Amino acid sequence: PDRFPGLKLAWQSLSAASGTCAVLNAA
């Protein structure tokens, strides 16, 4: 979890507002 903190962003983005996954990808 500390070595790969970005992994959990997948589930967080899928649960957030539509378009959040696009924001994550661009960032």
PDB file of all heavy atoms in Angstrom:
ATOM      1  N   PRO A   1       0.816  -1.229   0.000  1.00  0.00           N
ATOM      2  CA  PRO A   1       0.000   0.000   0.000  1.00  0.00           C
ATOM      3  C   PRO A   1       0.845   1.273   0.000  1.00  0.00           C
ATOM      4  O   PRO A   1       0.462   2.271  -0.619  1.00  0.00           O
ATOM      5  CB  PRO A   1      -0.831  -0.130   1.276  1.00  0.00           C
ATOM      6  CG  PRO A   1      -0.952  -1.611   1.492  1.00  0.00           C
ATOM      7  CD  PRO A   1       0.388  -2.156   1.070  1.00  0.00           C
ATOM      8  N   ASP A   2       1.993   1.250   0.691  1.00  0.00           N
ATOM      9  CA  ASP A   2       2.890   2.412   0.697  1.00  0.00           C
ATOM     10  C   ASP A   2       3.767   2.446  -0.550  1.00  0.00           C
ATOM     11  O   ASP A   2       4.138   3.521  -1.019  1.00  0.00           O
ATOM     12  CB  ASP A   2       3.783   2.376   1.942  1.00  0.00           C
ATOM     13  CG  ASP A   2       2.987   2.533   3.230  1.00  0.00           C
ATOM     14  OD1 ASP A   2       1.993   3.289   3.217  1.00  0.00           O
ATOM     15  OD2 ASP A   2       3.363   1.904   4.229  1.00  0.00           O
ATOM     16  N   ARG A   3       4.097   1.281  -1.063  1.00  0.00           N
ATOM     17  CA  ARG A   3       4.959   1.196  -2.252  1.00  0.00           C
ATOM     18  C   ARG A   3       4.191   1.589  -3.522  1.00  0.00           C
ATOM     19  O   ARG A   3       4.753   2.188  -4.434  1.00  0.00           O
ATOM     20  CB  ARG A   3       5.502  -0.236  -2.360  1.00  0.00           C
ATOM     21  CG  ARG A   3       6.601  -0.430  -3.386  1.00  0.00           C
ATOM     22  CD  ARG A   3       7.172  -1.841  -3.298  1.00  0.00           C
ATOM     23  NE  ARG A   3       7.966  -2.032  -2.092  1.00  0.00           N
ATOM     24  CZ  ARG A   3       7.609  -2.795  -1.059  1.00  0.00           C
ATOM     25  NH1 ARG A   3       6.461  -3.465  -1.080  1.00  0.00           N
ATOM     26  NH2 ARG A   3       8.399  -2.911   0.002  1.00  0.00           N
ATOM     27  N   PHE A   4       2.920   1.234  -3.572  1.00  0.00           N
ATOM     28  CA  PHE A   4       2.092   1.486  -4.754  1.00  0.00           C
ATOM     29  C   PHE A   4       0.812   2.236  -4.370  1.00  0.00           C
ATOM     30  O   PHE A   4      -0.303   1.714  -4.530  1.00  0.00           O
ATOM     31  CB  PHE A   4       1.731   0.159  -5.435  1.00  0.00           C
ATOM     32  CG  PHE A   4       2.911  -0.715  -5.766  1.00  0.00           C
ATOM     33  CD1 PHE A   4       3.052  -1.980  -5.199  1.00  0.00           C
ATOM     34  CD2 PHE A   4       3.890  -0.287  -6.653  1.00  0.00           C
ATOM     35  CE1 PHE A   4       4.127  -2.799  -5.520  1.00  0.00           C
ATOM     36  CE2 PHE A   4       4.976  -1.095  -6.977  1.00  0.00           C
ATOM     37  CZ  PHE A   4       5.097  -2.350  -6.409  1.00  0.00           C
ATOM     38  N   PRO A   5       0.924   3.461  -3.881  1.00  0.00           N
ATOM     39  CA  PRO A   5      -0.274   4.175  -3.403  1.00  0.00           C
ATOM     40  C   PRO A   5      -1.251   4.536  -4.518  1.00  0.00           C
ATOM     41  O   PRO A   5      -2.431   4.785  -4.250  1.00  0.00           O
ATOM     42  CB  PRO A   5       0.314   5.439  -2.761  1.00  0.00           C
ATOM     43  CG  PRO A   5       1.610   5.666  -3.490  1.00  0.00           C
ATOM     44  CD  PRO A   5       2.144   4.282  -3.744  1.00  0.00           C
ATOM     45  N   GLY A   6      -0.782   4.549  -5.770  1.00  0.00           N
ATOM     46  CA  GLY A   6      -1.649   4.936  -6.876  1.00  0.00           C
ATOM     47  C   GLY A   6      -2.701   3.908  -7.231  1.00  0.00           C
ATOM     48  O   GLY A   6      -3.716   4.244  -7.867  1.00  0.00           O
ATOM     49  N   LEU A   7      -2.507   2.663  -6.816  1.00  0.00           N
ATOM     50  CA  LEU A   7      -3.432   1.600  -7.221  1.00  0.00           C
ATOM     51  C   LEU A   7      -4.853   1.860  -6.731  1.00  0.00           C
ATOM     52  O   LEU A   7      -5.828   1.668  -7.459  1.00  0.00           O
ATOM     53  CB  LEU A   7      -2.923   0.253  -6.716  1.00  0.00           C
ATOM     54  CG  LEU A   7      -3.739  -0.981  -7.110  1.00  0.00           C
ATOM     55  CD1 LEU A   7      -3.857  -1.102  -8.628  1.00  0.00           C
ATOM     56  CD2 LEU A   7      -3.111  -2.248  -6.531  1.00  0.00           C
ATOM     57  N   LYS A   8      -4.980   2.336  -5.505  1.00  0.00           N
ATOM     58  CA  LYS A   8      -6.321   2.540  -4.935  1.00  0.00           C
ATOM     59  C   LYS A   8      -7.084   3.661  -5.631  1.00  0.00           C
ATOM     60  O   LYS A   8      -8.321   3.769  -5.485  1.00  0.00           O
ATOM     61  CB  LYS A   8      -6.213   2.846  -3.444  1.00  0.00           C
ATOM     62  CG  LYS A   8      -5.514   4.153  -3.101  1.00  0.00           C
ATOM     63  CD  LYS A   8      -5.492   4.372  -1.600  1.00  0.00           C
ATOM     64  CE  LYS A   8      -4.805   5.689  -1.216  1.00  0.00           C
ATOM     65  NZ  LYS A   8      -3.348   5.678  -1.540  1.00  0.00           N
ATOM     66  N   LEU A   9      -6.379   4.500  -6.411  1.00  0.00           N
ATOM     67  CA  LEU A   9      -7.058   5.587  -7.113  1.00  0.00           C
ATOM     68  C   LEU A   9      -8.050   5.070  -8.149  1.00  0.00           C
ATOM     69  O   LEU A   9      -8.976   5.785  -8.535  1.00  0.00           O
ATOM     70  CB  LEU A   9      -6.034   6.505  -7.785  1.00  0.00           C
ATOM     71  CG  LEU A   9      -5.080   7.255  -6.843  1.00  0.00           C
ATOM     72  CD1 LEU A   9      -4.096   8.094  -7.647  1.00  0.00           C
ATOM     73  CD2 LEU A   9      -5.854   8.127  -5.863  1.00  0.00           C
ATOM     74  N   ALA A  10      -7.860   3.833  -8.601  1.00  0.00           N
ATOM     75  CA  ALA A  10      -8.795   3.256  -9.575  1.00  0.00           C
ATOM     76  C   ALA A  10     -10.195   3.171  -8.989  1.00  0.00           C
ATOM     77  O   ALA A  10     -11.168   3.666  -9.575  1.00  0.00           O
ATOM     78  CB  ALA A  10      -8.316   1.872 -10.007  1.00  0.00           C
ATOM     79  N   TRP A  11     -10.328   2.555  -7.825  1.00  0.00           N
ATOM     80  CA  TRP A  11     -11.644   2.374  -7.211  1.00  0.00           C
ATOM     81  C   TRP A  11     -12.212   3.719  -6.755  1.00  0.00           C
ATOM     82  O   TRP A  11     -13.410   3.947  -6.866  1.00  0.00           O
ATOM     83  CB  TRP A  11     -11.542   1.395  -6.045  1.00  0.00           C
ATOM     84  CG  TRP A  11     -11.315  -0.009  -6.491  1.00  0.00           C
ATOM     85  CD1 TRP A  11     -12.269  -0.938  -6.819  1.00  0.00           C
ATOM     86  CD2 TRP A  11     -10.051  -0.655  -6.692  1.00  0.00           C
ATOM     87  NE1 TRP A  11     -11.676  -2.116  -7.197  1.00  0.00           N
ATOM     88  CE2 TRP A  11     -10.319  -1.984  -7.124  1.00  0.00           C
ATOM     89  CE3 TRP A  11      -8.732  -0.262  -6.534  1.00  0.00           C
ATOM     90  CZ2 TRP A  11      -9.307  -2.900  -7.406  1.00  0.00           C
ATOM     91  CZ3 TRP A  11      -7.713  -1.174  -6.825  1.00  0.00           C
ATOM     92  CH2 TRP A  11      -8.010  -2.473  -7.258  1.00  0.00           C
ATOM     93  N   GLN A  12     -11.342   4.611  -6.278  1.00  0.00           N
ATOM     94  CA  GLN A  12     -11.816   5.930  -5.868  1.00  0.00           C
ATOM     95  C   GLN A  12     -12.378   6.704  -7.059  1.00  0.00           C
ATOM     96  O   GLN A  12     -13.430   7.341  -6.963  1.00  0.00           O
ATOM     97  CB  GLN A  12     -10.669   6.715  -5.218  1.00  0.00           C
ATOM     98  CG  GLN A  12     -10.208   6.153  -3.890  1.00  0.00           C
ATOM     99  CD  GLN A  12      -9.014   6.895  -3.316  1.00  0.00           C
ATOM    100  OE1 GLN A  12      -8.592   7.923  -3.843  1.00  0.00           O
ATOM    101  NE2 GLN A  12      -8.437   6.370  -2.241  1.00  0.00           N
ATOM    102  N   SER A  13     -11.699   6.629  -8.208  1.00  0.00           N
ATOM    103  CA  SER A  13     -12.136   7.359  -9.396  1.00  0.00           C
ATOM    104  C   SER A  13     -13.418   6.779  -9.961  1.00  0.00           C
ATOM    105  O   SER A  13     -14.294   7.517 -10.426  1.00  0.00           O
ATOM    106  CB  SER A  13     -11.037   7.342 -10.459  1.00  0.00           C
ATOM    107  OG  SER A  13      -9.877   8.021 -10.000  1.00  0.00           O
ATOM    108  N   LEU A  14     -13.542   5.458  -9.934  1.00  0.00           N
ATOM    109  CA  LEU A  14     -14.765   4.820 -10.435  1.00  0.00           C
ATOM    110  C   LEU A  14     -15.974   5.159  -9.571  1.00  0.00           C
ATOM    111  O   LEU A  14     -17.115   5.152 -10.056  1.00  0.00           O
ATOM    112  CB  LEU A  14     -14.577   3.301 -10.498  1.00  0.00           C
ATOM    113  CG  LEU A  14     -13.710   2.782 -11.650  1.00  0.00           C
ATOM    114  CD1 LEU A  14     -13.368   1.313 -11.446  1.00  0.00           C
ATOM    115  CD2 LEU A  14     -14.416   2.978 -12.993  1.00  0.00           C
ATOM    116  N   SER A  15     -15.741   5.455  -8.304  1.00  0.00           N
ATOM    117  CA  SER A  15     -16.836   5.781  -7.388  1.00  0.00           C
ATOM    118  C   SER A  15     -17.142   7.273  -7.364  1.00  0.00           C
ATOM    119  O   SER A  15     -18.132   7.688  -6.756  1.00  0.00           O
ATOM    120  CB  SER A  15     -16.488   5.309  -5.968  1.00  0.00           C
ATOM    121  OG  SER A  15     -16.260   3.914  -5.941  1.00  0.00           O
ATOM    122  N   ALA A  16     -16.313   8.080  -8.017  1.00  0.00           N
ATOM    123  CA  ALA A  16     -16.480   9.533  -8.007  1.00  0.00           C
ATOM    124  C   ALA A  16     -17.324   9.984  -9.201  1.00  0.00           C
ATOM    125  O   ALA A  16     -17.889   9.166  -9.936  1.00  0.00           O
ATOM    126  CB  ALA A  16     -15.110  10.209  -8.015  1.00  0.00           C
ATOM    127  N   ALA A  17     -17.387  11.290  -9.427  1.00  0.00           N
ATOM    128  CA  ALA A  17     -18.196  11.862 -10.506  1.00  0.00           C
ATOM    129  C   ALA A  17     -17.719  11.373 -11.865  1.00  0.00           C
ATOM    130  O   ALA A  17     -16.526  11.084 -12.063  1.00  0.00           O
ATOM    131  CB  ALA A  17     -18.120  13.385 -10.449  1.00  0.00           C
ATOM    132  N   SER A  18     -18.653  11.262 -12.807  1.00  0.00           N
ATOM    133  CA  SER A  18     -18.317  10.859 -14.169  1.00  0.00           C
ATOM    134  C   SER A  18     -17.261  11.801 -14.741  1.00  0.00           C
ATOM    135  O   SER A  18     -17.380  13.019 -14.639  1.00  0.00           O
ATOM    136  CB  SER A  18     -19.575  10.889 -15.040  1.00  0.00           C
ATOM    137  OG  SER A  18     -19.270  10.603 -16.387  1.00  0.00           O
ATOM    138  N   GLY A  19     -16.231  11.234 -15.323  1.00  0.00           N
ATOM    139  CA  GLY A  19     -15.128  12.025 -15.866  1.00  0.00           C
ATOM    140  C   GLY A  19     -13.891  12.012 -14.993  1.00  0.00           C
ATOM    141  O   GLY A  19     -12.808  12.411 -15.436  1.00  0.00           O
ATOM    142  N   THR A  20     -14.025  11.539 -13.756  1.00  0.00           N
ATOM    143  CA  THR A  20     -12.886  11.527 -12.837  1.00  0.00           C
ATOM    144  C   THR A  20     -11.765  10.630 -13.353  1.00  0.00           C
ATOM    145  O   THR A  20     -10.577  10.936 -13.186  1.00  0.00           O
ATOM    146  CB  THR A  20     -13.330  11.080 -11.437  1.00  0.00           C
ATOM    147  OG1 THR A  20     -14.333  11.972 -10.949  1.00  0.00           O
ATOM    148  CG2 THR A  20     -12.153  11.070 -10.464  1.00  0.00           C
ATOM    149  N   CYS A  21     -12.119   9.524 -13.994  1.00  0.00           N
ATOM    150  CA  CYS A  21     -11.088   8.629 -14.541  1.00  0.00           C
ATOM    151  C   CYS A  21     -10.277   9.330 -15.630  1.00  0.00           C
ATOM    152  O   CYS A  21      -9.074   9.095 -15.760  1.00  0.00           O
ATOM    153  CB  CYS A  21     -11.731   7.359 -15.097  1.00  0.00           C
ATOM    154  SG  CYS A  21     -12.555   6.338 -13.849  1.00  0.00           S
ATOM    155  N   ALA A  22     -10.935  10.199 -16.399  1.00  0.00           N
ATOM    156  CA  ALA A  22     -10.228  10.968 -17.428  1.00  0.00           C
ATOM    157  C   ALA A  22      -9.250  11.942 -16.788  1.00  0.00           C
ATOM    158  O   ALA A  22      -8.147  12.162 -17.306  1.00  0.00           O
ATOM    159  CB  ALA A  22     -11.228  11.711 -18.311  1.00  0.00           C
ATOM    160  N   VAL A  23      -9.635  12.538 -15.679  1.00  0.00           N
ATOM    161  CA  VAL A  23      -8.749  13.448 -14.945  1.00  0.00           C
ATOM    162  C   VAL A  23      -7.513  12.694 -14.460  1.00  0.00           C
ATOM    163  O   VAL A  23      -6.374  13.159 -14.598  1.00  0.00           O
ATOM    164  CB  VAL A  23      -9.487  14.093 -13.752  1.00  0.00           C
ATOM    165  CG1 VAL A  23      -8.535  14.986 -12.956  1.00  0.00           C
ATOM    166  CG2 VAL A  23     -10.689  14.893 -14.232  1.00  0.00           C
ATOM    167  N   LEU A  24      -7.734  11.521 -13.884  1.00  0.00           N
ATOM    168  CA  LEU A  24      -6.628  10.701 -13.383  1.00  0.00           C
ATOM    169  C   LEU A  24      -5.663  10.339 -14.507  1.00  0.00           C
ATOM    170  O   LEU A  24      -4.438  10.432 -14.349  1.00  0.00           O
ATOM    171  CB  LEU A  24      -7.176   9.431 -12.729  1.00  0.00           C
ATOM    172  CG  LEU A  24      -6.141   8.401 -12.274  1.00  0.00           C
ATOM    173  CD1 LEU A  24      -5.206   8.990 -11.231  1.00  0.00           C
ATOM    174  CD2 LEU A  24      -6.829   7.145 -11.737  1.00  0.00           C
ATOM    175  N   ASN A  25      -6.201   9.929 -15.643  1.00  0.00           N
ATOM    176  CA  ASN A  25      -5.347   9.544 -16.765  1.00  0.00           C
ATOM    177  C   ASN A  25      -4.494  10.714 -17.244  1.00  0.00           C
ATOM    178  O   ASN A  25      -3.289  10.569 -17.466  1.00  0.00           O
ATOM    179  CB  ASN A  25      -6.199   9.027 -17.921  1.00  0.00           C
ATOM    180  CG  ASN A  25      -5.366   8.646 -19.119  1.00  0.00           C
ATOM    181  OD1 ASN A  25      -4.734   7.597 -19.150  1.00  0.00           O
ATOM    182  ND2 ASN A  25      -5.332   9.504 -20.128  1.00  0.00           N
ATOM    183  N   ALA A  26      -5.107  11.887 -17.394  1.00  0.00           N
ATOM    184  CA  ALA A  26      -4.371  13.063 -17.856  1.00  0.00           C
ATOM    185  C   ALA A  26      -3.282  13.448 -16.867  1.00  0.00           C
ATOM    186  O   ALA A  26      -2.144  13.749 -17.256  1.00  0.00           O
ATOM    187  CB  ALA A  26      -5.335  14.230 -18.067  1.00  0.00           C
ATOM    188  N   ALA A  27      -3.620  13.453 -15.592  1.00  0.00           N
ATOM    189  CA  ALA A  27      -2.634  13.799 -14.564  1.00  0.00           C
ATOM    190  C   ALA A  27      -1.452  12.847 -14.600  1.00  0.00           C
ATOM    191  O   ALA A  27      -0.284  13.268 -14.524  1.00  0.00           O
ATOM    192  CB  ALA A  27      -3.300  13.777 -13.185  1.00  0.00           C
TER     193      ALA A  27
END
